[in-house]
Every structure is written in C-alpha cells, then in structure tokens.
N, C-alpha and C. Protein backbone atom coordinates (compact mmCIF):
# COMPACT_ATOMS: atom_id res chain seq x y z
N MET A 1 61.41 -19.75 89.77
CA MET A 1 61.93 -20.03 88.61
C MET A 1 61.79 -18.81 87.64
N THR A 2 62.91 -18.38 87.18
CA THR A 2 62.63 -17.19 86.32
C THR A 2 61.89 -17.46 84.74
N GLU A 3 61.41 -16.72 84.00
CA GLU A 3 61.07 -16.62 82.92
C GLU A 3 62.05 -17.18 81.89
N GLU A 4 63.20 -16.71 81.92
CA GLU A 4 64.39 -17.25 81.20
C GLU A 4 64.47 -18.77 81.36
N ASP A 5 64.70 -19.11 82.76
CA ASP A 5 64.84 -20.75 83.04
C ASP A 5 63.78 -21.35 82.60
N LYS A 6 62.47 -20.92 82.50
CA LYS A 6 61.33 -21.74 81.73
C LYS A 6 61.36 -22.05 80.69
N LYS A 7 62.24 -21.21 79.53
CA LYS A 7 62.22 -21.15 78.24
C LYS A 7 63.64 -22.31 78.07
N ASN A 8 64.54 -22.10 78.97
CA ASN A 8 65.63 -22.95 78.72
C ASN A 8 65.43 -24.41 79.09
N GLN A 9 64.39 -24.46 79.98
CA GLN A 9 63.99 -26.01 80.44
C GLN A 9 63.39 -26.73 79.13
N GLU A 10 64.27 -28.15 79.40
CA GLU A 10 63.75 -28.75 78.18
C GLU A 10 62.50 -29.32 78.15
N ILE A 11 61.69 -29.35 77.63
CA ILE A 11 60.25 -29.80 77.51
C ILE A 11 60.18 -31.19 76.58
N PRO A 12 59.62 -31.98 77.55
CA PRO A 12 59.72 -33.28 76.99
C PRO A 12 58.44 -33.34 75.93
N GLN A 13 59.03 -33.95 74.62
CA GLN A 13 57.94 -34.07 73.52
C GLN A 13 57.63 -35.48 73.31
N LYS A 14 56.84 -35.64 72.86
CA LYS A 14 56.16 -37.25 72.49
C LYS A 14 57.04 -37.69 71.56
N PRO A 15 57.15 -38.82 71.49
CA PRO A 15 58.06 -39.37 70.10
C PRO A 15 57.26 -39.32 68.95
N LYS A 16 57.90 -39.07 68.05
CA LYS A 16 57.09 -39.25 66.61
C LYS A 16 56.53 -40.43 66.41
N ARG A 17 55.34 -40.91 65.78
CA ARG A 17 54.66 -41.87 65.25
C ARG A 17 55.13 -42.13 63.72
N PRO A 18 55.43 -43.31 63.47
CA PRO A 18 55.60 -43.15 62.06
C PRO A 18 54.23 -42.84 61.42
N TYR A 19 54.11 -42.46 59.94
CA TYR A 19 53.23 -42.03 59.14
C TYR A 19 52.49 -43.12 59.32
N ALA A 20 51.08 -43.12 59.64
CA ALA A 20 50.27 -44.04 59.50
C ALA A 20 49.55 -44.55 58.31
N GLY A 21 49.58 -43.38 57.31
CA GLY A 21 49.07 -43.81 55.98
C GLY A 21 49.59 -44.65 55.25
N GLY A 22 50.80 -45.15 55.27
CA GLY A 22 51.55 -46.31 54.77
C GLY A 22 50.72 -47.63 55.12
N ALA A 23 50.32 -47.97 56.61
CA ALA A 23 49.55 -49.11 56.70
C ALA A 23 48.51 -49.16 56.20
N LEU A 24 47.58 -48.10 55.99
CA LEU A 24 46.39 -47.93 55.28
C LEU A 24 46.47 -48.27 53.80
N LEU A 25 47.72 -47.70 53.16
CA LEU A 25 47.48 -48.14 51.89
C LEU A 25 47.91 -49.49 51.56
N ILE A 26 48.92 -50.07 52.48
CA ILE A 26 48.75 -51.48 52.29
C ILE A 26 47.86 -52.58 52.70
N ALA A 27 47.00 -51.82 53.44
CA ALA A 27 45.56 -52.80 54.16
C ALA A 27 44.69 -52.60 52.78
N ILE A 28 44.54 -51.74 52.16
CA ILE A 28 44.16 -51.22 51.04
C ILE A 28 44.23 -52.18 49.96
N THR A 29 45.67 -51.83 49.56
CA THR A 29 46.20 -52.53 48.22
C THR A 29 46.10 -54.30 48.66
N ALA A 30 46.20 -54.82 49.95
CA ALA A 30 46.28 -55.96 49.96
C ALA A 30 44.76 -56.68 49.73
N PHE A 31 44.15 -55.71 50.09
CA PHE A 31 42.59 -56.13 49.85
C PHE A 31 42.08 -56.20 48.12
N ILE A 32 42.83 -55.28 47.77
CA ILE A 32 42.24 -55.32 46.21
C ILE A 32 43.05 -56.30 45.53
N VAL A 33 44.26 -56.40 45.90
CA VAL A 33 45.32 -57.58 45.27
C VAL A 33 44.52 -59.00 45.49
N ILE A 34 43.88 -59.45 46.77
CA ILE A 34 43.24 -60.53 47.02
C ILE A 34 42.30 -60.76 46.31
N LEU A 35 41.51 -59.66 46.15
CA LEU A 35 40.23 -59.78 45.41
C LEU A 35 40.35 -60.25 43.86
N PHE A 36 41.36 -59.58 43.20
CA PHE A 36 41.80 -59.68 41.86
C PHE A 36 42.62 -61.22 41.62
N THR A 37 43.35 -61.30 42.69
CA THR A 37 44.01 -62.97 42.63
C THR A 37 42.93 -63.81 42.97
N GLY A 38 41.95 -63.65 43.85
CA GLY A 38 41.04 -64.81 44.14
C GLY A 38 40.14 -64.75 42.52
N GLY A 39 39.84 -63.71 42.13
CA GLY A 39 39.07 -63.73 40.99
C GLY A 39 39.80 -64.51 39.96
N ILE A 40 40.95 -64.15 39.88
CA ILE A 40 41.81 -64.84 38.61
C ILE A 40 41.80 -66.16 38.92
N ALA A 41 42.25 -66.70 40.12
CA ALA A 41 42.34 -68.02 40.62
C ALA A 41 40.69 -68.65 40.40
N TYR A 42 39.79 -68.24 40.62
CA TYR A 42 38.47 -68.86 40.59
C TYR A 42 38.39 -68.92 39.06
N GLY A 43 38.44 -67.99 38.09
CA GLY A 43 38.31 -67.96 36.76
C GLY A 43 39.03 -68.95 36.12
N VAL A 44 40.30 -69.41 36.58
CA VAL A 44 41.38 -69.99 35.99
C VAL A 44 40.63 -71.65 36.21
N GLN A 45 40.10 -71.80 37.45
CA GLN A 45 39.69 -73.35 37.79
C GLN A 45 38.79 -73.46 37.15
N SER A 46 37.71 -72.62 36.73
CA SER A 46 36.34 -72.73 36.03
C SER A 46 36.71 -73.02 34.80
N VAL A 47 37.66 -72.23 34.19
CA VAL A 47 37.80 -72.63 32.44
C VAL A 47 38.90 -73.31 32.12
N ILE A 48 39.95 -73.59 33.46
CA ILE A 48 41.10 -74.57 32.83
C ILE A 48 40.88 -75.44 33.51
N GLY A 49 40.60 -75.28 34.98
CA GLY A 49 40.93 -76.51 35.78
C GLY A 49 39.98 -77.92 35.68
N GLY A 50 40.25 -78.53 36.62
CA GLY A 50 39.31 -80.04 36.29
C GLY A 50 38.23 -79.89 35.90
N GLY A 51 37.67 -80.88 36.06
CA GLY A 51 36.15 -81.25 35.69
C GLY A 51 36.09 -82.30 34.84
N ASP A 52 35.00 -82.69 34.55
CA ASP A 52 34.49 -83.93 33.90
C ASP A 52 34.14 -83.44 32.34
N GLU A 53 35.24 -83.96 31.66
CA GLU A 53 34.77 -83.67 30.02
C GLU A 53 33.55 -84.41 29.60
N ASN A 54 32.79 -83.53 28.94
CA ASN A 54 31.17 -84.39 28.18
C ASN A 54 31.54 -84.37 26.70
N GLU A 55 31.66 -85.36 26.00
CA GLU A 55 31.61 -85.58 24.55
C GLU A 55 30.43 -85.52 23.86
N GLY A 56 29.05 -85.60 24.66
CA GLY A 56 27.78 -85.38 24.10
C GLY A 56 27.59 -86.60 23.56
N ILE A 57 26.39 -86.61 22.73
CA ILE A 57 25.82 -87.86 22.13
C ILE A 57 25.73 -87.56 20.97
N LEU A 58 25.74 -88.67 19.94
CA LEU A 58 25.27 -88.57 18.47
C LEU A 58 24.11 -88.85 18.16
N VAL A 59 23.31 -87.67 17.75
CA VAL A 59 22.10 -87.86 17.19
C VAL A 59 21.91 -87.37 15.79
N GLY A 60 21.70 -88.63 15.03
CA GLY A 60 21.27 -88.52 13.66
C GLY A 60 22.77 -87.88 12.94
N GLY A 61 23.77 -88.02 13.30
CA GLY A 61 25.05 -87.38 12.82
C GLY A 61 25.42 -86.05 13.56
N VAL A 62 24.69 -85.62 14.12
CA VAL A 62 25.01 -84.32 15.07
C VAL A 62 25.28 -84.51 16.47
N ARG A 63 26.40 -84.04 16.95
CA ARG A 63 26.84 -84.17 18.41
C ARG A 63 26.18 -83.19 19.14
N GLU A 64 25.21 -83.67 20.03
CA GLU A 64 24.53 -83.01 20.88
C GLU A 64 24.73 -82.89 22.41
N PHE A 65 24.85 -81.58 22.75
CA PHE A 65 25.06 -81.25 24.32
C PHE A 65 23.81 -80.66 25.07
N ARG A 66 23.30 -81.14 25.96
CA ARG A 66 22.56 -80.67 26.81
C ARG A 66 23.30 -79.76 27.96
N ILE A 67 23.02 -78.39 27.98
CA ILE A 67 23.76 -77.63 28.78
C ILE A 67 22.68 -77.02 29.82
N SER A 68 23.09 -76.87 30.95
CA SER A 68 22.16 -76.11 31.96
C SER A 68 22.88 -74.84 32.26
N ALA A 69 22.36 -73.54 32.59
CA ALA A 69 22.80 -72.56 33.03
C ALA A 69 22.19 -72.05 34.20
N SER A 70 23.31 -71.62 35.41
CA SER A 70 22.73 -71.39 36.63
C SER A 70 23.71 -70.50 37.19
N GLN A 71 22.88 -69.73 38.46
CA GLN A 71 24.09 -69.09 38.86
C GLN A 71 25.10 -69.68 39.66
N TRP A 72 26.61 -69.58 39.02
CA TRP A 72 27.10 -68.95 38.21
C TRP A 72 28.13 -70.21 37.50
N SER A 73 27.31 -70.93 36.97
CA SER A 73 28.20 -71.96 36.31
C SER A 73 27.40 -72.43 35.15
N TYR A 74 27.98 -73.31 34.24
CA TYR A 74 27.28 -74.34 33.02
C TYR A 74 27.60 -75.64 33.68
N GLY A 75 26.50 -76.53 33.21
CA GLY A 75 26.82 -78.13 33.36
C GLY A 75 26.41 -78.52 32.29
N PRO A 76 27.34 -79.30 31.65
CA PRO A 76 28.78 -79.59 32.16
C PRO A 76 29.61 -78.42 31.84
N GLY A 77 30.61 -78.16 32.39
CA GLY A 77 31.58 -76.98 32.37
C GLY A 77 32.63 -77.20 31.18
N ILE A 78 32.76 -78.41 30.61
CA ILE A 78 33.72 -78.63 29.89
C ILE A 78 33.15 -79.89 28.66
N ILE A 79 33.08 -79.09 27.53
CA ILE A 79 32.83 -79.96 26.40
C ILE A 79 34.05 -80.31 25.39
N ARG A 80 33.82 -81.38 24.50
CA ARG A 80 34.99 -81.72 23.82
C ARG A 80 34.15 -81.80 22.37
N VAL A 81 34.62 -81.32 21.57
CA VAL A 81 34.24 -81.34 19.95
C VAL A 81 35.27 -81.50 18.97
N ASN A 82 35.39 -81.73 17.93
CA ASN A 82 36.32 -81.76 16.72
C ASN A 82 36.05 -80.96 15.36
N PRO A 83 37.01 -80.50 15.19
CA PRO A 83 36.90 -79.76 13.59
C PRO A 83 36.01 -80.23 12.65
N GLY A 84 34.99 -79.40 12.31
CA GLY A 84 34.46 -80.05 11.08
C GLY A 84 33.01 -80.74 11.43
N GLU A 85 32.72 -80.84 12.76
CA GLU A 85 31.91 -81.77 13.21
C GLU A 85 30.26 -80.76 13.47
N ALA A 86 29.33 -81.22 13.39
CA ALA A 86 28.36 -80.68 13.60
C ALA A 86 27.68 -80.74 14.75
N VAL A 87 27.23 -79.89 15.52
CA VAL A 87 27.15 -79.70 17.02
C VAL A 87 25.89 -78.91 17.27
N ARG A 88 24.94 -79.58 18.25
CA ARG A 88 23.68 -78.96 18.66
C ARG A 88 23.89 -78.67 20.00
N PHE A 89 23.77 -77.36 20.57
CA PHE A 89 23.47 -77.02 21.88
C PHE A 89 22.06 -76.93 22.13
N ILE A 90 21.70 -77.69 23.16
CA ILE A 90 20.41 -77.42 23.93
C ILE A 90 20.82 -76.81 25.05
N VAL A 91 20.44 -75.49 25.36
CA VAL A 91 20.64 -74.69 26.52
C VAL A 91 19.28 -74.38 27.18
N THR A 92 19.62 -74.50 28.61
CA THR A 92 18.28 -74.29 29.37
C THR A 92 18.99 -73.39 30.53
N SER A 93 18.25 -72.21 31.17
CA SER A 93 18.51 -71.76 32.11
C SER A 93 17.70 -71.83 33.43
N VAL A 94 18.08 -72.40 34.52
CA VAL A 94 17.30 -73.04 35.80
C VAL A 94 16.97 -72.01 36.59
N ASP A 95 17.52 -70.72 36.65
CA ASP A 95 17.04 -69.76 37.51
C ASP A 95 16.80 -68.52 37.07
N ILE A 96 17.60 -67.88 36.32
CA ILE A 96 17.27 -66.40 35.88
C ILE A 96 17.70 -66.19 34.34
N THR A 97 17.75 -65.10 33.84
CA THR A 97 17.95 -64.75 32.65
C THR A 97 19.34 -64.84 32.58
N HIS A 98 20.08 -65.69 31.61
CA HIS A 98 21.38 -65.70 31.52
C HIS A 98 21.49 -65.75 29.80
N GLY A 99 22.89 -65.90 29.47
CA GLY A 99 23.18 -65.62 27.98
C GLY A 99 23.98 -66.98 27.88
N PHE A 100 24.29 -67.49 26.40
CA PHE A 100 25.32 -68.52 26.38
C PHE A 100 26.14 -67.78 25.16
N ALA A 101 27.16 -67.85 24.93
CA ALA A 101 28.17 -67.02 24.02
C ALA A 101 29.24 -67.94 23.83
N ILE A 102 29.61 -68.16 22.51
CA ILE A 102 30.82 -68.45 21.99
C ILE A 102 31.37 -67.73 21.02
N ASN A 103 32.48 -66.99 21.18
CA ASN A 103 32.84 -66.00 20.22
C ASN A 103 33.35 -66.89 19.02
N GLU A 104 34.10 -67.39 19.29
CA GLU A 104 34.76 -68.28 18.08
C GLU A 104 33.84 -69.00 16.96
N MET A 105 32.74 -69.22 17.59
CA MET A 105 31.91 -70.13 16.83
C MET A 105 30.43 -69.23 16.49
N ASP A 106 30.31 -67.81 16.62
CA ASP A 106 29.36 -66.98 16.12
C ASP A 106 28.09 -67.44 17.24
N VAL A 107 28.30 -67.98 18.30
CA VAL A 107 27.06 -68.25 19.13
C VAL A 107 26.84 -67.09 19.93
N ASN A 108 25.65 -66.61 20.34
CA ASN A 108 25.07 -65.45 21.47
C ASN A 108 23.79 -65.83 21.56
N LEU A 109 23.42 -66.79 22.64
CA LEU A 109 21.97 -66.88 22.86
C LEU A 109 21.31 -66.62 24.21
N PRO A 110 20.08 -65.57 24.11
CA PRO A 110 19.61 -65.38 25.49
C PRO A 110 18.89 -66.28 25.99
N LEU A 111 19.09 -66.69 27.34
CA LEU A 111 18.36 -67.75 28.08
C LEU A 111 17.31 -67.18 28.92
N ALA A 112 15.97 -67.57 28.74
CA ALA A 112 14.83 -67.12 29.65
C ALA A 112 14.81 -68.48 30.77
N PRO A 113 14.61 -67.93 32.12
CA PRO A 113 14.27 -68.99 33.05
C PRO A 113 13.42 -69.92 32.80
N SER A 114 13.84 -71.45 32.84
CA SER A 114 12.88 -72.49 32.62
C SER A 114 12.85 -72.62 31.07
N GLY A 115 13.39 -71.87 30.30
CA GLY A 115 13.27 -71.98 28.81
C GLY A 115 14.24 -73.02 28.20
N GLU A 116 14.25 -73.47 27.06
CA GLU A 116 15.20 -74.22 26.24
C GLU A 116 15.22 -73.99 24.87
N ILE A 117 16.47 -73.69 24.30
CA ILE A 117 16.92 -73.18 23.32
C ILE A 117 17.88 -74.33 22.62
N ALA A 118 17.69 -74.52 21.38
CA ALA A 118 18.60 -75.39 20.62
C ALA A 118 19.22 -74.78 19.57
N HIS A 119 20.59 -74.94 19.44
CA HIS A 119 21.15 -74.18 18.27
C HIS A 119 22.07 -74.84 17.72
N GLU A 120 22.56 -75.19 16.24
CA GLU A 120 23.06 -75.73 15.50
C GLU A 120 24.14 -75.21 14.84
N VAL A 121 25.42 -75.30 15.17
CA VAL A 121 26.74 -74.95 14.57
C VAL A 121 27.52 -76.27 14.08
N VAL A 122 28.27 -75.96 12.97
CA VAL A 122 29.32 -76.83 12.56
C VAL A 122 30.69 -76.27 13.25
N ILE A 123 31.46 -76.92 13.72
CA ILE A 123 32.75 -76.41 13.81
C ILE A 123 33.80 -76.35 12.95
N PRO A 124 34.02 -75.10 12.62
CA PRO A 124 34.77 -74.94 11.22
C PRO A 124 35.96 -75.81 11.33
N GLU A 125 36.41 -76.39 9.87
CA GLU A 125 37.68 -77.05 9.83
C GLU A 125 38.60 -76.41 10.04
N ASP A 126 38.93 -75.27 9.91
CA ASP A 126 40.25 -74.52 9.76
C ASP A 126 40.20 -74.19 11.61
N ILE A 127 39.46 -74.26 12.27
CA ILE A 127 39.72 -73.54 13.72
C ILE A 127 40.92 -74.42 14.45
N PRO A 128 41.65 -73.78 14.80
CA PRO A 128 42.96 -74.40 15.58
C PRO A 128 42.76 -75.07 16.59
N GLU A 129 42.95 -76.19 16.97
CA GLU A 129 42.93 -76.97 18.12
C GLU A 129 43.25 -76.29 19.39
N GLY A 130 42.48 -76.37 20.26
CA GLY A 130 42.65 -75.31 21.60
C GLY A 130 41.37 -75.43 22.44
N THR A 131 41.37 -74.47 23.55
CA THR A 131 40.45 -74.56 24.58
C THR A 131 39.97 -73.11 24.11
N TYR A 132 38.41 -73.19 23.79
CA TYR A 132 37.95 -71.73 23.62
C TYR A 132 36.92 -71.95 24.89
N THR A 133 36.42 -70.60 25.00
CA THR A 133 35.44 -70.29 26.33
C THR A 133 34.16 -69.86 25.78
N MET A 134 33.17 -70.55 26.82
CA MET A 134 31.67 -70.29 26.41
C MET A 134 31.32 -69.67 27.78
N TYR A 135 30.31 -68.66 27.70
CA TYR A 135 30.53 -67.51 28.68
C TYR A 135 29.03 -66.91 28.88
N CYS A 136 28.61 -66.52 29.77
CA CYS A 136 27.29 -65.81 29.97
C CYS A 136 27.46 -64.33 29.32
N SER A 137 26.60 -64.09 28.44
CA SER A 137 26.55 -62.84 27.51
C SER A 137 25.59 -62.03 28.06
N ILE A 138 24.83 -61.89 29.17
CA ILE A 138 23.84 -61.43 29.93
C ILE A 138 23.82 -61.22 31.37
N PHE A 139 24.26 -59.91 31.94
CA PHE A 139 24.79 -59.60 33.41
C PHE A 139 23.60 -60.56 34.21
N CYS A 140 24.14 -61.47 35.14
CA CYS A 140 23.16 -62.30 35.93
C CYS A 140 23.71 -62.40 37.37
N GLY A 141 24.35 -61.35 38.00
CA GLY A 141 24.68 -60.95 39.17
C GLY A 141 26.08 -60.93 39.54
N ILE A 142 26.37 -60.81 40.76
CA ILE A 142 27.87 -60.62 41.40
C ILE A 142 28.96 -61.47 40.62
N GLY A 143 28.47 -62.86 40.53
CA GLY A 143 29.39 -63.91 39.92
C GLY A 143 29.31 -63.88 38.58
N HIS A 144 28.52 -63.13 37.66
CA HIS A 144 28.77 -62.95 36.22
C HIS A 144 30.14 -63.26 35.68
N PRO A 145 31.31 -62.31 35.84
CA PRO A 145 32.31 -62.59 35.36
C PRO A 145 32.94 -63.80 35.47
N TYR A 146 32.65 -64.69 36.13
CA TYR A 146 33.14 -66.07 36.12
C TYR A 146 32.68 -67.09 35.83
N MET A 147 31.21 -66.82 35.13
CA MET A 147 30.41 -67.92 34.65
C MET A 147 30.80 -68.10 33.28
N LYS A 148 31.68 -69.16 33.31
CA LYS A 148 32.47 -69.72 31.98
C LYS A 148 32.57 -71.11 32.02
N GLY A 149 32.67 -71.29 30.61
CA GLY A 149 33.02 -73.19 30.54
C GLY A 149 33.99 -73.14 29.57
N SER A 150 34.38 -74.30 29.10
CA SER A 150 35.53 -74.68 27.95
C SER A 150 34.91 -75.30 27.21
N ILE A 151 35.22 -75.23 25.89
CA ILE A 151 35.03 -76.23 24.59
C ILE A 151 36.24 -76.50 24.09
N ILE A 152 36.67 -77.70 24.23
CA ILE A 152 37.98 -78.27 23.83
C ILE A 152 37.80 -78.73 22.25
N VAL A 153 38.35 -78.25 21.39
CA VAL A 153 38.38 -78.65 20.04
C VAL A 153 39.54 -79.44 19.63
N GLY A 154 39.45 -80.65 19.28
CA GLY A 154 40.47 -81.31 18.96
C GLY A 154 41.15 -81.91 20.13
N THR A 155 42.49 -82.18 20.10
CA THR A 155 43.46 -82.69 21.09
C THR A 155 44.55 -81.71 21.25
N PRO A 156 44.48 -80.41 21.92
CA PRO A 156 45.53 -79.32 21.95
C PRO A 156 46.46 -80.13 22.97
N GLY A 157 47.60 -79.44 22.62
CA GLY A 157 48.60 -79.48 23.71
C GLY A 157 48.68 -78.66 24.85
N VAL A 158 49.76 -78.47 25.56
CA VAL A 158 49.80 -77.53 26.46
C VAL A 158 50.59 -76.58 25.78
N GLY A 159 49.56 -75.08 25.88
CA GLY A 159 50.05 -74.07 25.27
C GLY A 159 50.14 -72.76 26.39
N ILE A 160 50.45 -71.61 25.74
CA ILE A 160 50.82 -70.46 26.67
C ILE A 160 49.16 -69.84 27.00
N GLY A 161 48.17 -70.68 26.52
CA GLY A 161 47.23 -70.03 26.95
C GLY A 161 46.47 -70.52 28.28
N LYS A 162 47.33 -71.90 28.47
CA LYS A 162 46.97 -72.79 29.90
C LYS A 162 47.89 -72.44 31.03
N ILE A 163 49.15 -71.82 30.72
CA ILE A 163 50.23 -71.20 31.77
C ILE A 163 50.02 -69.77 32.13
N LEU A 164 49.41 -68.77 31.05
CA LEU A 164 49.19 -67.46 31.04
C LEU A 164 48.42 -67.20 32.22
N PRO A 165 47.33 -67.77 32.64
CA PRO A 165 46.72 -67.10 34.10
C PRO A 165 47.25 -67.37 35.23
N TYR A 166 48.13 -68.70 35.16
CA TYR A 166 48.83 -68.81 36.36
C TYR A 166 50.23 -68.02 36.65
N ALA A 167 50.39 -67.51 35.47
CA ALA A 167 51.58 -66.55 35.47
C ALA A 167 51.22 -65.18 35.84
N ALA A 168 50.01 -64.86 35.27
CA ALA A 168 49.12 -63.68 35.84
C ALA A 168 49.18 -63.60 37.16
N THR A 169 48.71 -64.55 37.87
CA THR A 169 48.52 -64.73 39.25
C THR A 169 49.77 -64.71 40.12
N LEU A 170 50.97 -65.39 39.59
CA LEU A 170 52.03 -65.00 40.28
C LEU A 170 52.67 -63.38 40.15
N VAL A 171 52.40 -63.03 39.05
CA VAL A 171 52.85 -61.62 38.95
C VAL A 171 52.11 -60.56 39.97
N MET A 172 50.82 -60.93 40.06
CA MET A 172 50.03 -60.22 41.13
C MET A 172 50.48 -60.48 42.31
N GLY A 173 50.74 -61.52 42.61
CA GLY A 173 51.53 -61.93 44.01
C GLY A 173 52.76 -61.06 44.39
N GLY A 174 53.40 -60.95 43.32
CA GLY A 174 54.47 -60.45 43.26
C GLY A 174 54.80 -58.90 43.35
N ILE A 175 53.72 -58.31 42.62
CA ILE A 175 53.28 -56.87 42.83
C ILE A 175 52.92 -56.49 44.48
N PHE A 176 51.88 -57.36 44.97
CA PHE A 176 51.51 -57.55 46.21
C PHE A 176 52.96 -57.23 47.00
N ALA A 177 53.98 -58.16 47.07
CA ALA A 177 54.83 -58.45 47.87
C ALA A 177 55.76 -57.07 47.97
N ALA A 178 55.78 -56.66 46.65
CA ALA A 178 56.65 -55.22 46.61
C ALA A 178 55.91 -54.39 47.20
N PHE A 179 54.66 -53.92 47.27
CA PHE A 179 53.75 -53.08 47.68
C PHE A 179 54.26 -53.23 49.38
N LEU A 180 54.32 -54.33 49.77
CA LEU A 180 54.33 -54.63 51.28
C LEU A 180 55.76 -54.34 51.70
N VAL A 181 57.00 -54.32 51.01
CA VAL A 181 58.06 -54.10 51.25
C VAL A 181 58.31 -52.53 51.08
N ILE A 182 57.91 -51.80 49.91
CA ILE A 182 58.03 -50.59 49.88
C ILE A 182 57.23 -49.76 50.88
N GLY A 183 56.14 -50.13 51.24
CA GLY A 183 55.17 -49.58 52.20
C GLY A 183 56.09 -49.75 53.59
N ARG A 184 56.21 -50.81 54.20
CA ARG A 184 57.20 -50.60 55.17
C ARG A 184 58.10 -49.79 55.48
N ARG A 185 59.12 -49.81 54.51
CA ARG A 185 60.34 -49.09 54.40
C ARG A 185 59.81 -47.42 54.48
N LYS A 186 58.68 -47.07 54.05
CA LYS A 186 58.03 -45.62 53.97
C LYS A 186 57.46 -45.46 55.63
N ALA A 187 57.20 -46.83 55.99
CA ALA A 187 56.55 -46.32 57.37
C ALA A 187 57.27 -46.09 58.51
N ARG A 188 58.69 -46.51 58.12
CA ARG A 188 59.90 -46.50 59.23
C ARG A 188 60.33 -44.98 59.56
C-alpha cells in the first residue's frame, strides 16, 4: 500500500459524544432547587401549616403564654391574641442559646439554656389582623432559618401572605423544569 493510498483510506472516527457539561449543570441545578424548594416547603409548614393553636391562659387580666425554644422549633408553634390585649411571654430555652423575636411587637429576647424570661407587651389596637412571625434571632445551628412560629392576631381571612409561599414553591418548580428542558436540548 502506497503512502497516498494510506492517506486516502478512510480512518474510522469515534462518534462524537454530547457535551457532558450540560448533564452536570442539570444535576447541580436540581440539587440547589431541591434544597431551596425543600426549605421553602418546610418553612411554609412550620409558619403557616397546621398545628394546634394556643390561646394561652388569663392571669390577672394578662394573657400568658409559656413557650419553649429548642432546636429548631417553638412549642407551641402557633399562638392567638387579640388587638389591644396585654400579653406575657414566658420563654425558656431547653437546649442551647436561642432568641425570641417578633418584629411587629418590638420583642427581641436572648434565651440562655435552661433559663426563663418573662416579657410583657400590649398588642397594639391598630395592628392589622393577620399572621405574624416569631423567630429565633440568635444563630443556633443548621436549622436556624426554619426556627419560626406564628402569632395570629384577631381573626384574619385568607390573604396573599398565605398563598405567596405556595406560589413561590410552584415558581421554583417551573424554573427547575425549564432548566431541565433547556439542558436536554443543549445536550443533544
């Protein structure tokens, strides 16, 4: 076989593989979206979701709530008050240092382990009826962002605040589906 025949001979080539980076991008995106969506869903359940409401007990004209903080929840997680009502929070941390904060009521208490703090507030008369968040204001570990509870003031109806977290979760799912479709098209 001559030199020229060798050049003209067709050399079989390996078939080209699709770009593997698209699959990696999809996997990373899926992981991140699952984490965020899971976090949102967990947060929605702990703030808006079910659970027993606690209406406290009346002690000398003051509605009293005994709340325990532990990694990563409050017990009770949902309390109900009325505008204009005097409320006393008796809060205890059962494990590590936590915080107890309610922005709309100007409450922010540090909680030492096994200590008890009593704090009294009057729910403003003009506060809109609705669901407000009590949350941990001192970093307490990996579940810290989800350490939340709800304070229901009055008798609120269904509003955008209850629907919005579910809508956000649906949007995150839609973005994830779009990334899958785009990633698969580019991988081809």
